[in-house]
């Protein structure tokens, strides 16, 4: 594969963008949603419950 399309989610999307920026001729593009606004108190409590079962 000469020029891949990088696909990532959340932090993976940021890594893909960073890598593509440093290697512009080696990638055809980057696709990756980055979730926004999920760090309020309600969502943090929910995340704590999900990961500390």
N, C-alpha and C. Protein backbone atom coordinates (compact mmCIF):
# COMPACT_ATOMS: atom_id res chain seq x y z
N UNK A 1 0.85 -1.16 0.00
CA UNK A 1 0.00 0.00 0.00
C UNK A 1 0.90 1.23 0.00
N UNK A 2 0.78 2.03 -1.03
CA UNK A 2 1.66 3.19 -1.16
C UNK A 2 1.20 4.38 -0.32
N UNK A 3 -0.07 4.73 -0.43
CA UNK A 3 -0.59 5.90 0.29
C UNK A 3 -1.92 5.53 0.94
N UNK A 4 -1.90 5.12 2.20
CA UNK A 4 -3.13 4.68 2.86
C UNK A 4 -4.03 5.84 3.26
N UNK A 5 -5.28 5.52 3.46
CA UNK A 5 -6.24 6.42 4.08
C UNK A 5 -6.27 6.04 5.55
N UNK A 6 -5.84 6.95 6.41
CA UNK A 6 -5.78 6.66 7.84
C UNK A 6 -7.15 6.91 8.46
N UNK A 7 -7.61 5.95 9.25
CA UNK A 7 -8.90 6.06 9.92
C UNK A 7 -8.67 5.83 11.41
N UNK A 8 -9.16 6.74 12.23
CA UNK A 8 -9.01 6.60 13.67
C UNK A 8 -10.20 7.18 14.39
N UNK A 9 -10.30 6.86 15.67
CA UNK A 9 -11.40 7.37 16.50
C UNK A 9 -10.79 8.06 17.71
N UNK A 10 -11.28 9.25 18.02
CA UNK A 10 -10.86 9.98 19.20
C UNK A 10 -9.36 10.24 19.15
N UNK A 11 -8.61 9.70 20.11
CA UNK A 11 -7.17 9.95 20.13
C UNK A 11 -6.47 9.35 18.91
N UNK A 12 -7.01 8.25 18.39
CA UNK A 12 -6.46 7.66 17.17
C UNK A 12 -6.57 8.61 15.99
N UNK A 13 -7.65 9.39 15.95
CA UNK A 13 -7.81 10.39 14.89
C UNK A 13 -6.74 11.47 15.02
N UNK A 14 -6.47 11.89 16.25
CA UNK A 14 -5.43 12.90 16.46
C UNK A 14 -4.06 12.37 16.06
N UNK A 15 -3.80 11.11 16.38
CA UNK A 15 -2.52 10.51 15.97
C UNK A 15 -2.41 10.44 14.45
N UNK A 16 -3.51 10.10 13.78
CA UNK A 16 -3.50 10.04 12.32
C UNK A 16 -3.22 11.40 11.70
N UNK A 17 -3.85 12.43 12.23
CA UNK A 17 -3.62 13.79 11.73
C UNK A 17 -2.17 14.20 11.97
N UNK A 18 -1.66 13.91 13.13
CA UNK A 18 -0.27 14.25 13.45
C UNK A 18 0.70 13.54 12.50
N UNK A 19 0.48 12.23 12.29
CA UNK A 19 1.36 11.47 11.41
C UNK A 19 1.26 11.98 9.97
N UNK A 20 0.04 12.26 9.52
CA UNK A 20 -0.15 12.75 8.15
C UNK A 20 0.50 14.12 7.96
N UNK A 21 0.45 14.95 9.00
CA UNK A 21 1.08 16.27 8.91
C UNK A 21 2.59 16.13 8.78
N UNK A 22 3.15 15.16 9.45
CA UNK A 22 4.60 14.95 9.40
C UNK A 22 5.04 14.18 8.16
N UNK A 23 4.10 13.49 7.50
CA UNK A 23 4.40 12.66 6.33
C UNK A 23 3.38 12.92 5.22
N UNK A 24 3.28 14.15 4.72
CA UNK A 24 2.20 14.50 3.79
C UNK A 24 2.21 13.72 2.48
N UNK A 25 3.34 13.29 2.01
CA UNK A 25 3.39 12.55 0.75
C UNK A 25 3.13 11.06 0.89
N UNK A 26 2.97 10.59 2.12
CA UNK A 26 2.83 9.15 2.35
C UNK A 26 1.41 8.73 2.68
N UNK A 27 0.48 9.65 2.71
CA UNK A 27 -0.90 9.33 3.07
C UNK A 27 -1.86 10.04 2.12
N UNK A 28 -2.95 9.38 1.78
CA UNK A 28 -3.92 9.99 0.87
C UNK A 28 -4.92 10.88 1.62
N UNK A 29 -5.14 10.56 2.89
CA UNK A 29 -6.06 11.36 3.69
C UNK A 29 -6.23 10.77 5.08
N UNK A 30 -6.98 11.50 5.91
CA UNK A 30 -7.26 11.08 7.28
C UNK A 30 -8.74 11.27 7.55
N UNK A 31 -9.35 10.25 8.14
CA UNK A 31 -10.75 10.32 8.53
C UNK A 31 -10.81 9.96 10.01
N UNK A 32 -11.49 10.77 10.79
CA UNK A 32 -11.60 10.42 12.20
C UNK A 32 -12.46 11.39 12.97
N UNK A 33 -13.57 10.92 13.50
CA UNK A 33 -14.38 11.78 14.37
C UNK A 33 -13.69 11.95 15.71
N UNK A 34 -13.81 13.11 16.25
CA UNK A 34 -13.25 13.40 17.56
C UNK A 34 -14.39 13.85 18.45
N UNK A 35 -14.76 13.07 19.46
CA UNK A 35 -15.90 13.45 20.31
C UNK A 35 -15.62 14.73 21.08
N UNK A 36 -16.60 15.57 21.15
CA UNK A 36 -16.47 16.84 21.86
C UNK A 36 -17.54 16.95 22.93
N UNK A 37 -17.23 17.63 23.99
CA UNK A 37 -18.23 17.95 25.00
C UNK A 37 -18.68 16.79 25.86
N UNK A 38 -17.87 15.78 26.04
CA UNK A 38 -18.28 14.64 26.85
C UNK A 38 -17.60 14.61 28.21
N UNK A 39 -17.03 15.71 28.60
CA UNK A 39 -16.30 15.73 29.86
C UNK A 39 -16.99 16.54 30.95
N UNK A 40 -18.32 16.68 30.87
CA UNK A 40 -18.99 17.33 31.99
C UNK A 40 -19.12 16.33 33.14
N UNK A 41 -19.58 16.79 34.30
CA UNK A 41 -19.61 15.94 35.49
C UNK A 41 -20.47 14.70 35.31
N UNK A 42 -21.60 14.83 34.63
CA UNK A 42 -22.49 13.68 34.42
C UNK A 42 -21.80 12.60 33.61
N UNK A 43 -21.15 13.00 32.54
CA UNK A 43 -20.47 12.02 31.69
C UNK A 43 -19.24 11.42 32.37
N UNK A 44 -18.54 12.21 33.18
CA UNK A 44 -17.41 11.66 33.91
C UNK A 44 -17.87 10.61 34.92
N UNK A 45 -18.98 10.88 35.60
CA UNK A 45 -19.53 9.89 36.54
C UNK A 45 -19.93 8.61 35.80
N UNK A 46 -20.56 8.77 34.64
CA UNK A 46 -20.95 7.60 33.85
C UNK A 46 -19.72 6.80 33.41
N UNK A 47 -18.67 7.48 32.98
CA UNK A 47 -17.45 6.80 32.56
C UNK A 47 -16.81 6.06 33.73
N UNK A 48 -16.82 6.68 34.90
CA UNK A 48 -16.26 6.01 36.08
C UNK A 48 -17.03 4.73 36.39
N UNK A 49 -18.35 4.78 36.30
CA UNK A 49 -19.17 3.60 36.56
C UNK A 49 -18.92 2.51 35.51
N UNK A 50 -18.78 2.91 34.25
CA UNK A 50 -18.56 1.93 33.19
C UNK A 50 -17.23 1.20 33.33
N UNK A 51 -16.19 1.92 33.72
CA UNK A 51 -14.86 1.33 33.73
C UNK A 51 -14.42 0.81 35.10
N UNK A 52 -15.24 1.02 36.11
CA UNK A 52 -14.89 0.51 37.45
C UNK A 52 -15.94 -0.46 37.95
N UNK A 53 -16.45 -1.32 37.09
CA UNK A 53 -17.46 -2.29 37.50
C UNK A 53 -16.86 -3.33 38.39
